[in-house]
Amino acid sequence: MKEGIHPNYREICFQDMSNGFKFVTRSCASAKEMITMEDGRELPLVKLETTSESHPFYTGTQKSVDNMGGRVERFRNRFGKTAAK
């Protein structure tokens, strides 16, 4: 491999800021902070807004638009009849 043209690929810790969930993987992402893991390793830290641990789609708490107060059904009742004519 050529020297100086490849990104810095290393182990990095990603932390979900909504619930504190952390996971370690290898990445080229740049990090400004460091974190000391439970096993004593010092790793770069990247803070994330959501991960699969907190996203509503993956946790099963996502709400369907069809079940939210009948808004879709009201729309279909109001404008569906004019489209059929």
N, C-alpha and C. Protein backbone atom coordinates (compact mmCIF):
# COMPACT_ATOMS: atom_id res chain seq x y z
N MET A 1 0.84 -1.19 0.00
CA MET A 1 0.00 0.00 0.00
C MET A 1 0.88 1.24 0.00
N LYS A 2 0.41 2.28 -0.65
CA LYS A 2 1.14 3.53 -0.68
C LYS A 2 1.02 4.22 0.67
N GLU A 3 2.05 4.87 1.07
CA GLU A 3 2.05 5.61 2.33
C GLU A 3 1.38 6.97 2.16
N GLY A 4 0.63 7.41 3.17
CA GLY A 4 0.09 8.76 3.22
C GLY A 4 -1.17 9.02 2.42
N ILE A 5 -1.75 8.02 1.75
CA ILE A 5 -2.97 8.28 0.98
C ILE A 5 -4.20 7.61 1.58
N HIS A 6 -4.03 6.78 2.57
CA HIS A 6 -5.15 6.05 3.15
C HIS A 6 -5.62 6.74 4.43
N PRO A 7 -6.93 6.70 4.70
CA PRO A 7 -7.45 7.30 5.93
C PRO A 7 -7.02 6.49 7.14
N ASN A 8 -7.15 7.12 8.29
CA ASN A 8 -6.78 6.49 9.56
C ASN A 8 -7.90 5.53 9.98
N TYR A 9 -7.76 4.25 9.66
CA TYR A 9 -8.77 3.22 9.96
C TYR A 9 -8.40 2.57 11.28
N ARG A 10 -9.23 2.76 12.31
CA ARG A 10 -8.89 2.30 13.65
C ARG A 10 -10.17 1.96 14.42
N GLU A 11 -9.99 1.37 15.60
CA GLU A 11 -11.13 1.11 16.47
C GLU A 11 -11.63 2.44 17.02
N ILE A 12 -12.96 2.57 17.09
CA ILE A 12 -13.56 3.80 17.56
C ILE A 12 -14.82 3.45 18.36
N CYS A 13 -15.15 4.26 19.34
CA CYS A 13 -16.34 4.04 20.17
C CYS A 13 -17.42 5.03 19.75
N PHE A 14 -18.61 4.51 19.44
CA PHE A 14 -19.77 5.33 19.13
C PHE A 14 -20.70 5.28 20.34
N GLN A 15 -21.23 6.45 20.75
CA GLN A 15 -22.12 6.51 21.91
C GLN A 15 -23.42 7.19 21.52
N ASP A 16 -24.53 6.54 21.86
CA ASP A 16 -25.86 7.09 21.66
C ASP A 16 -26.13 8.07 22.80
N MET A 17 -26.35 9.33 22.48
CA MET A 17 -26.52 10.34 23.52
C MET A 17 -27.90 10.29 24.18
N SER A 18 -28.87 9.63 23.56
CA SER A 18 -30.21 9.59 24.16
C SER A 18 -30.31 8.56 25.28
N ASN A 19 -29.50 7.48 25.23
CA ASN A 19 -29.60 6.47 26.29
C ASN A 19 -28.26 5.97 26.79
N GLY A 20 -27.15 6.48 26.26
CA GLY A 20 -25.84 6.10 26.77
C GLY A 20 -25.28 4.81 26.21
N PHE A 21 -25.96 4.16 25.28
CA PHE A 21 -25.49 2.92 24.67
C PHE A 21 -24.19 3.16 23.92
N LYS A 22 -23.20 2.30 24.12
CA LYS A 22 -21.91 2.42 23.46
C LYS A 22 -21.59 1.15 22.70
N PHE A 23 -20.94 1.30 21.54
CA PHE A 23 -20.43 0.14 20.82
C PHE A 23 -19.12 0.52 20.14
N VAL A 24 -18.26 -0.48 20.01
CA VAL A 24 -16.93 -0.28 19.43
C VAL A 24 -16.89 -0.98 18.08
N THR A 25 -16.38 -0.29 17.09
CA THR A 25 -16.20 -0.85 15.76
C THR A 25 -15.00 -0.16 15.13
N ARG A 26 -14.62 -0.60 13.95
CA ARG A 26 -13.53 0.04 13.23
C ARG A 26 -14.11 1.03 12.25
N SER A 27 -13.49 2.22 12.16
CA SER A 27 -14.02 3.27 11.31
C SER A 27 -12.94 4.28 10.96
N CYS A 28 -13.22 5.10 9.95
CA CYS A 28 -12.35 6.20 9.56
C CYS A 28 -12.89 7.53 10.08
N ALA A 29 -13.98 7.51 10.84
CA ALA A 29 -14.61 8.73 11.33
C ALA A 29 -13.65 9.51 12.21
N SER A 30 -13.69 10.84 12.07
CA SER A 30 -12.83 11.67 12.90
C SER A 30 -13.52 11.94 14.24
N ALA A 31 -12.74 11.98 15.29
CA ALA A 31 -13.29 12.19 16.63
C ALA A 31 -12.45 13.23 17.35
N LYS A 32 -13.14 14.08 18.11
CA LYS A 32 -12.45 15.12 18.87
C LYS A 32 -12.24 14.73 20.32
N GLU A 33 -13.01 13.75 20.79
CA GLU A 33 -12.94 13.34 22.19
C GLU A 33 -12.41 11.93 22.30
N MET A 34 -11.93 11.59 23.51
CA MET A 34 -11.46 10.24 23.81
C MET A 34 -12.28 9.71 24.98
N ILE A 35 -12.40 8.39 25.06
CA ILE A 35 -13.11 7.74 26.15
C ILE A 35 -12.29 6.54 26.62
N THR A 36 -12.31 6.30 27.93
CA THR A 36 -11.66 5.13 28.49
C THR A 36 -12.71 4.05 28.69
N MET A 37 -12.51 2.93 28.04
CA MET A 37 -13.47 1.83 28.12
C MET A 37 -13.28 1.07 29.44
N GLU A 38 -14.21 0.16 29.73
CA GLU A 38 -14.17 -0.60 30.97
C GLU A 38 -12.93 -1.49 31.06
N ASP A 39 -12.43 -1.92 29.90
CA ASP A 39 -11.24 -2.79 29.90
C ASP A 39 -9.94 -2.00 29.89
N GLY A 40 -10.01 -0.66 29.99
CA GLY A 40 -8.83 0.17 30.09
C GLY A 40 -8.33 0.76 28.78
N ARG A 41 -8.94 0.39 27.66
CA ARG A 41 -8.52 0.95 26.37
C ARG A 41 -8.97 2.39 26.25
N GLU A 42 -8.13 3.23 25.68
CA GLU A 42 -8.46 4.62 25.39
C GLU A 42 -8.81 4.70 23.90
N LEU A 43 -10.07 5.03 23.59
CA LEU A 43 -10.53 5.05 22.21
C LEU A 43 -11.12 6.41 21.85
N PRO A 44 -11.06 6.79 20.57
CA PRO A 44 -11.75 8.00 20.12
C PRO A 44 -13.26 7.82 20.29
N LEU A 45 -13.96 8.90 20.61
CA LEU A 45 -15.40 8.86 20.87
C LEU A 45 -16.14 9.70 19.85
N VAL A 46 -17.16 9.10 19.22
CA VAL A 46 -18.07 9.81 18.32
C VAL A 46 -19.45 9.73 18.95
N LYS A 47 -20.07 10.90 19.17
CA LYS A 47 -21.39 10.96 19.78
C LYS A 47 -22.45 10.98 18.68
N LEU A 48 -23.49 10.15 18.85
CA LEU A 48 -24.57 10.02 17.86
C LEU A 48 -25.90 10.42 18.49
N GLU A 49 -26.80 10.96 17.69
CA GLU A 49 -28.14 11.31 18.16
C GLU A 49 -28.99 10.07 18.39
N THR A 50 -29.00 9.17 17.41
CA THR A 50 -29.78 7.94 17.53
C THR A 50 -28.99 6.77 16.98
N THR A 51 -29.26 5.60 17.53
CA THR A 51 -28.71 4.35 17.03
C THR A 51 -29.85 3.35 16.96
N SER A 52 -29.55 2.12 16.64
CA SER A 52 -30.60 1.10 16.59
C SER A 52 -31.19 0.84 17.98
N GLU A 53 -30.49 1.22 19.04
CA GLU A 53 -31.00 1.03 20.40
C GLU A 53 -32.07 2.06 20.77
N SER A 54 -32.12 3.20 20.06
CA SER A 54 -33.07 4.24 20.45
C SER A 54 -34.00 4.66 19.32
N HIS A 55 -33.76 4.23 18.09
CA HIS A 55 -34.61 4.64 16.98
C HIS A 55 -35.96 3.92 17.05
N PRO A 56 -37.07 4.66 16.89
CA PRO A 56 -38.39 4.04 17.02
C PRO A 56 -38.65 2.88 16.07
N PHE A 57 -38.07 2.89 14.88
CA PHE A 57 -38.29 1.80 13.94
C PHE A 57 -37.71 0.50 14.49
N TYR A 58 -36.53 0.54 15.08
CA TYR A 58 -35.87 -0.66 15.56
C TYR A 58 -36.35 -1.08 16.95
N THR A 59 -36.86 -0.15 17.75
CA THR A 59 -37.34 -0.51 19.08
C THR A 59 -38.80 -0.95 19.08
N GLY A 60 -39.50 -0.76 17.95
CA GLY A 60 -40.89 -1.18 17.86
C GLY A 60 -41.87 -0.17 18.40
N THR A 61 -41.46 1.06 18.62
CA THR A 61 -42.36 2.09 19.14
C THR A 61 -42.80 3.07 18.07
N GLN A 62 -42.50 2.78 16.80
CA GLN A 62 -42.88 3.66 15.71
C GLN A 62 -44.39 3.61 15.52
N LYS A 63 -45.00 4.77 15.31
CA LYS A 63 -46.44 4.84 15.12
C LYS A 63 -46.75 4.92 13.63
N SER A 64 -47.79 4.23 13.23
CA SER A 64 -48.22 4.25 11.85
C SER A 64 -49.07 5.48 11.60
N VAL A 65 -48.95 6.06 10.43
CA VAL A 65 -49.74 7.24 10.08
C VAL A 65 -51.22 6.88 10.00
N ASP A 66 -51.55 5.66 9.60
CA ASP A 66 -52.95 5.25 9.48
C ASP A 66 -53.64 5.17 10.83
N ASN A 67 -52.90 4.97 11.91
CA ASN A 67 -53.50 4.81 13.23
C ASN A 67 -53.51 6.09 14.04
N MET A 68 -53.10 7.20 13.47
CA MET A 68 -52.98 8.44 14.23
C MET A 68 -54.23 9.30 14.06
N GLY A 69 -55.28 8.98 14.74
CA GLY A 69 -56.47 9.81 14.79
C GLY A 69 -57.33 9.79 13.53
N GLY A 70 -57.11 8.88 12.62
CA GLY A 70 -57.94 8.78 11.44
C GLY A 70 -57.72 9.89 10.43
N ARG A 71 -56.59 10.57 10.47
CA ARG A 71 -56.35 11.68 9.55
C ARG A 71 -56.33 11.20 8.10
N VAL A 72 -55.74 10.07 7.85
CA VAL A 72 -55.68 9.54 6.48
C VAL A 72 -57.09 9.20 6.00
N GLU A 73 -57.88 8.59 6.86
CA GLU A 73 -59.25 8.22 6.47
C GLU A 73 -60.09 9.46 6.22
N ARG A 74 -59.94 10.50 7.03
CA ARG A 74 -60.67 11.74 6.80
C ARG A 74 -60.27 12.37 5.48
N PHE A 75 -58.97 12.33 5.15
CA PHE A 75 -58.50 12.85 3.88
C PHE A 75 -59.11 12.08 2.71
N ARG A 76 -59.11 10.77 2.83
CA ARG A 76 -59.69 9.94 1.76
C ARG A 76 -61.19 10.20 1.60
N ASN A 77 -61.90 10.40 2.70
CA ASN A 77 -63.34 10.67 2.64
C ASN A 77 -63.61 12.02 1.99
N ARG A 78 -62.77 13.00 2.31
CA ARG A 78 -63.00 14.35 1.81
C ARG A 78 -62.60 14.48 0.33
N PHE A 79 -61.44 13.96 -0.03
CA PHE A 79 -60.93 14.20 -1.38
C PHE A 79 -61.01 12.98 -2.29
N GLY A 80 -61.28 11.82 -1.74
CA GLY A 80 -61.38 10.63 -2.56
C GLY A 80 -62.60 10.62 -3.47
N LYS A 81 -63.69 11.24 -3.00
CA LYS A 81 -64.91 11.27 -3.79
C LYS A 81 -64.77 12.15 -5.01
N THR A 82 -64.04 13.26 -4.89
CA THR A 82 -63.88 14.17 -6.04
C THR A 82 -62.99 13.56 -7.10
N ALA A 83 -62.04 12.72 -6.72
CA ALA A 83 -61.15 12.09 -7.69
C ALA A 83 -61.88 11.01 -8.47
N ALA A 84 -62.90 10.39 -7.89
CA ALA A 84 -63.62 9.30 -8.56
C ALA A 84 -64.56 9.81 -9.63
N LYS A 85 -64.98 11.08 -9.57
CA LYS A 85 -65.96 11.62 -10.54
C LYS A 85 -65.37 11.90 -11.88
